[in-house]
Amino acid sequence: MKKPEQKAESIHAGHRKRMLESYLRTGLEGFSDVEALELLLGYAISRRDVNPVAHALLQEFGDLDRVLNAPVQQLVKVPGIGERTAVLIRLVAELWSRSESSRYANSVFLRSAGEIGAYLAPKSVGLREERAWLLSLDAKSKLIECRELCRGAVNAVNLPFRKLVEAALLANASSVVLAHNHTTGTMIPSLEDVEFTRDARRALQLVDVILNDHFILCDGSYLSMRASHMMDF
């Protein structure tokens, strides 16, 4: 006679097998967000029903985008999520972001604030910490690369001008666009943002690289400091 634990494991194994077979037939078409998370969690959490964990993640962060972009330190606070599982979730988002950057870098020209904003805005969705990125462009405004420069407050301590200049030189950029996100719900640049932008432009000028713009991102929206006349210095 099967023990209760063995019977439960058998039920979970059968459920996971059916989900995998469905995914192999049609991909994620027809899957709810909970089911998609269940499928992913099954690769890190074995021998246990992950449906309650998937529900807990969505309840904690609100939607799938925010789950995938949540920091590891926040993910592990959800019951049932250990460090290994949290890393797997974050890795999915990081790999997707890198893949998108590589795809865009092969053919994208970013000539206007609207084009740059549309490219950058998705990077800020669901983030609960500040991050900074550098878009490196060639002389024809073709995207060379998009590099994440730092996490945490964007200032001369967390993002030294030396690091900014080195990233631009390594990419052989003719011009660059700086971007960082706000987690406060507002895209209005702070006085520190303006001062940092002014000093960053001066540092880049020393190596003949133009700072085209500085974008403030907030949960899928953006503000161009140049278009807002905040770089008239």
Protein backbone atom coordinates (compact mmCIF):
# COMPACT_ATOMS: atom_id res chain seq x y z
CA MET A 1 0.00 0.00 0.00
CA LYS A 2 1.33 3.42 -0.97
CA LYS A 3 2.12 5.84 1.80
CA PRO A 4 0.35 9.26 1.58
CA GLU A 5 3.65 10.96 0.68
CA GLN A 6 4.26 8.55 -2.17
CA LYS A 7 0.73 8.99 -3.46
CA ALA A 8 1.09 12.80 -3.42
CA GLU A 9 4.42 12.57 -5.26
CA SER A 10 2.78 10.37 -7.89
CA ILE A 11 -0.03 12.89 -8.41
CA HIS A 12 2.43 15.80 -8.73
CA ALA A 13 4.63 13.84 -11.14
CA GLY A 14 1.64 13.05 -13.33
CA HIS A 15 0.53 16.69 -13.34
CA ARG A 16 4.00 17.90 -14.30
CA LYS A 17 4.24 15.32 -17.07
CA ARG A 18 0.93 16.46 -18.54
CA MET A 19 2.02 20.11 -18.40
CA LEU A 20 5.32 19.31 -20.11
CA GLU A 21 3.57 17.32 -22.83
CA SER A 22 1.19 20.23 -23.41
CA TYR A 23 4.09 22.68 -23.60
CA LEU A 24 5.95 20.49 -26.10
CA ARG A 25 2.85 20.41 -28.30
CA THR A 26 1.85 24.08 -28.28
CA GLY A 27 4.38 26.06 -26.26
CA LEU A 28 2.88 28.36 -23.62
CA GLU A 29 -0.26 28.95 -25.67
CA GLY A 30 -3.21 28.24 -23.42
CA PHE A 31 -1.13 28.36 -20.23
CA SER A 32 -2.16 30.79 -17.52
CA ASP A 33 0.55 32.78 -15.74
CA VAL A 34 0.24 30.43 -12.76
CA GLU A 35 0.68 27.37 -14.98
CA ALA A 36 3.67 28.89 -16.77
CA LEU A 37 5.32 29.58 -13.42
CA GLU A 38 4.49 26.06 -12.25
CA LEU A 39 6.29 24.64 -15.28
CA LEU A 40 9.36 26.73 -14.53
CA LEU A 41 9.37 26.08 -10.79
CA GLY A 42 9.23 22.35 -11.40
CA TYR A 43 12.82 22.45 -12.63
CA ALA A 44 14.06 23.79 -9.30
CA ILE A 45 11.58 22.36 -6.78
CA SER A 46 11.18 18.61 -7.01
CA ARG A 47 8.81 16.21 -5.25
CA ARG A 48 6.42 18.96 -4.15
CA ASP A 49 3.32 20.72 -5.43
CA VAL A 50 4.50 24.08 -6.78
CA ASN A 51 1.04 25.46 -7.57
CA PRO A 52 0.73 27.23 -4.18
CA VAL A 53 4.23 28.67 -4.66
CA ALA A 54 3.31 30.03 -8.10
CA HIS A 55 0.18 31.63 -6.64
CA ALA A 56 2.22 33.13 -3.78
CA LEU A 57 4.69 34.70 -6.23
CA LEU A 58 1.95 36.34 -8.28
CA GLN A 59 0.19 37.53 -5.14
CA GLU A 60 3.39 39.04 -3.75
CA PHE A 61 4.61 40.82 -6.89
CA GLY A 62 1.38 41.45 -8.78
CA ASP A 63 2.06 39.99 -12.22
CA LEU A 64 4.42 37.78 -14.19
CA ASP A 65 6.71 40.60 -15.33
CA ARG A 66 7.31 41.71 -11.77
CA VAL A 67 7.96 38.15 -10.63
CA LEU A 68 10.62 37.60 -13.28
CA ASN A 69 12.27 40.95 -12.60
CA ALA A 70 12.18 40.78 -8.80
CA PRO A 71 15.59 40.76 -7.06
CA VAL A 72 16.77 37.45 -5.61
CA GLN A 73 16.69 39.00 -2.13
CA GLN A 74 12.94 39.67 -2.52
CA LEU A 75 12.12 36.35 -4.17
CA VAL A 76 13.56 34.27 -1.33
CA LYS A 77 11.15 35.96 1.09
CA VAL A 78 8.23 34.17 -0.58
CA PRO A 79 7.41 30.88 1.21
CA GLY A 80 8.70 27.93 -0.78
CA ILE A 81 11.32 29.91 -2.72
CA GLY A 82 14.94 29.12 -1.90
CA GLU A 83 18.03 30.73 -3.37
CA ARG A 84 18.36 28.10 -6.12
CA THR A 85 14.79 28.73 -7.30
CA ALA A 86 15.16 32.52 -7.05
CA VAL A 87 18.30 32.41 -9.19
CA LEU A 88 16.50 30.33 -11.82
CA ILE A 89 13.67 32.89 -12.01
CA ARG A 90 16.08 35.81 -12.31
CA LEU A 91 18.19 33.94 -14.86
CA VAL A 92 15.18 33.62 -17.18
CA ALA A 93 14.69 37.40 -17.16
CA GLU A 94 18.41 38.15 -17.54
CA LEU A 95 18.79 35.75 -20.47
CA TRP A 96 15.75 37.25 -22.19
CA SER A 97 17.14 40.77 -21.70
CA ARG A 98 20.54 39.77 -23.08
CA SER A 99 18.93 38.03 -26.04
CA GLU A 100 16.84 41.12 -26.83
CA SER A 101 19.90 43.37 -26.59
CA SER A 102 21.84 41.14 -28.98
CA ARG A 103 18.97 41.05 -31.45
CA TYR A 104 18.52 44.81 -31.44
CA ALA A 105 22.24 45.49 -31.65
CA ASN A 106 22.42 43.72 -34.99
CA SER A 107 20.08 46.09 -36.81
CA VAL A 108 18.65 48.90 -34.70
CA PHE A 109 19.23 52.58 -35.35
CA LEU A 110 18.29 54.92 -32.51
CA ARG A 111 18.06 58.39 -33.99
CA SER A 112 15.27 60.02 -31.97
CA ALA A 113 14.18 60.31 -28.36
CA GLY A 114 11.07 58.29 -29.22
CA GLU A 115 13.08 55.41 -30.68
CA ILE A 116 15.50 55.38 -27.77
CA GLY A 117 12.69 55.58 -25.22
CA ALA A 118 10.78 52.72 -26.87
CA TYR A 119 13.91 50.57 -26.72
CA LEU A 120 14.74 51.39 -23.10
CA ALA A 121 11.32 51.57 -21.43
CA PRO A 122 10.67 47.78 -21.16
CA LYS A 123 13.86 47.38 -19.12
CA SER A 124 12.29 49.24 -16.20
CA VAL A 125 9.14 47.15 -15.86
CA GLY A 126 8.83 45.56 -12.45
CA LEU A 127 12.18 46.75 -11.09
CA ARG A 128 12.37 47.49 -7.38
CA GLU A 129 15.94 48.78 -7.36
CA GLU A 130 17.69 51.45 -9.39
CA ARG A 131 19.79 50.32 -12.33
CA ALA A 132 21.83 52.23 -14.89
CA TRP A 133 22.44 51.38 -18.54
CA LEU A 134 24.65 52.75 -21.28
CA LEU A 135 23.64 52.64 -24.93
CA SER A 136 26.70 52.87 -27.17
CA LEU A 137 26.08 54.14 -30.70
CA ASP A 138 28.28 54.42 -33.80
CA ALA A 139 28.60 57.52 -35.99
CA LYS A 140 25.35 56.61 -37.82
CA SER A 141 23.39 56.12 -34.57
CA LYS A 142 23.38 52.35 -34.93
CA LEU A 143 23.22 50.55 -31.59
CA ILE A 144 26.51 48.83 -30.77
CA GLU A 145 25.50 47.51 -27.37
CA CYS A 146 23.36 48.11 -24.33
CA ARG A 147 25.29 47.50 -21.13
CA GLU A 148 24.04 47.50 -17.55
CA LEU A 149 26.53 49.60 -15.61
CA CYS A 150 25.39 49.36 -12.01
CA ARG A 151 22.63 48.63 -9.54
CA GLY A 152 21.77 50.96 -6.72
CA ALA A 153 21.63 54.75 -6.61
CA VAL A 154 23.06 56.31 -9.76
CA ASN A 155 25.78 58.62 -8.51
CA ALA A 156 29.53 59.07 -8.76
CA VAL A 157 30.05 56.53 -5.97
CA ASN A 158 28.08 53.61 -7.41
CA LEU A 159 28.82 54.58 -11.01
CA PRO A 160 32.27 56.18 -11.18
CA PHE A 161 32.87 58.30 -14.28
CA ARG A 162 35.89 56.12 -15.02
CA LYS A 163 33.60 53.10 -15.43
CA LEU A 164 31.30 55.08 -17.70
CA VAL A 165 34.18 56.24 -19.90
CA GLU A 166 35.74 52.77 -20.05
CA ALA A 167 32.44 51.23 -21.20
CA ALA A 168 32.12 53.80 -24.00
CA LEU A 169 35.72 53.26 -25.13
CA LEU A 170 35.44 49.46 -25.07
CA ALA A 171 32.40 49.70 -27.34
CA ASN A 172 34.25 52.13 -29.64
CA ALA A 173 31.24 54.42 -29.37
CA SER A 174 30.92 57.74 -31.15
CA SER A 175 28.09 58.74 -28.84
CA VAL A 176 26.26 57.27 -25.87
CA VAL A 177 22.94 57.51 -24.09
CA LEU A 178 22.79 57.11 -20.34
CA ALA A 179 19.66 55.73 -18.69
CA HIS A 180 18.53 54.80 -15.22
CA ASN A 181 15.23 53.96 -13.58
CA HIS A 182 13.40 55.54 -10.70
CA THR A 183 11.55 53.32 -8.23
CA THR A 184 9.68 56.22 -6.61
CA GLY A 185 6.88 56.35 -9.20
CA THR A 186 8.05 59.65 -10.71
CA MET A 187 10.26 60.34 -13.71
CA ILE A 188 11.18 63.87 -12.66
CA PRO A 189 15.02 64.07 -12.54
CA SER A 190 16.46 65.03 -9.19
CA LEU A 191 19.05 67.76 -8.74
CA GLU A 192 21.60 64.95 -8.31
CA ASP A 193 20.50 63.44 -11.66
CA VAL A 194 21.11 66.77 -13.41
CA GLU A 195 24.49 67.29 -11.77
CA PHE A 196 25.58 63.74 -12.55
CA THR A 197 24.55 64.18 -16.19
CA ARG A 198 26.54 67.41 -16.51
CA ASP A 199 29.67 65.87 -15.00
CA ALA A 200 29.28 62.67 -17.06
CA ARG A 201 29.13 64.71 -20.26
CA ARG A 202 32.33 66.51 -19.33
CA ALA A 203 34.11 63.23 -18.56
CA LEU A 204 33.07 61.73 -21.90
CA GLN A 205 34.10 64.85 -23.81
CA LEU A 206 37.67 64.25 -22.66
CA VAL A 207 37.74 61.06 -24.78
CA ASP A 208 35.74 62.55 -27.71
CA VAL A 209 32.52 60.69 -26.94
CA ILE A 210 29.24 62.61 -27.07
CA LEU A 211 26.60 62.14 -24.37
CA ASN A 212 23.44 62.40 -26.49
CA ASP A 213 20.88 62.10 -23.74
CA HIS A 214 20.03 60.80 -20.29
CA PHE A 215 16.75 58.93 -19.92
CA ILE A 216 14.80 58.48 -16.71
CA LEU A 217 12.72 55.29 -16.76
CA CYS A 218 9.83 54.29 -14.52
CA ASP A 219 7.86 51.06 -14.86
CA GLY A 220 7.64 51.09 -18.66
CA SER A 221 7.56 54.88 -19.19
CA TYR A 222 10.42 57.27 -19.94
CA LEU A 223 11.55 60.88 -19.89
CA SER A 224 14.30 62.31 -22.10
CA MET A 225 16.32 64.94 -20.24
CA ARG A 226 17.47 66.49 -23.53
CA ALA A 227 13.94 66.72 -24.94
CA SER A 228 12.86 68.21 -21.60
CA HIS A 229 15.61 70.88 -21.88
CA MET A 230 17.37 69.58 -18.79
CA MET A 231 20.71 69.22 -20.55
CA ASP A 232 21.07 72.86 -21.55
CA PHE A 233 24.32 73.34 -19.66
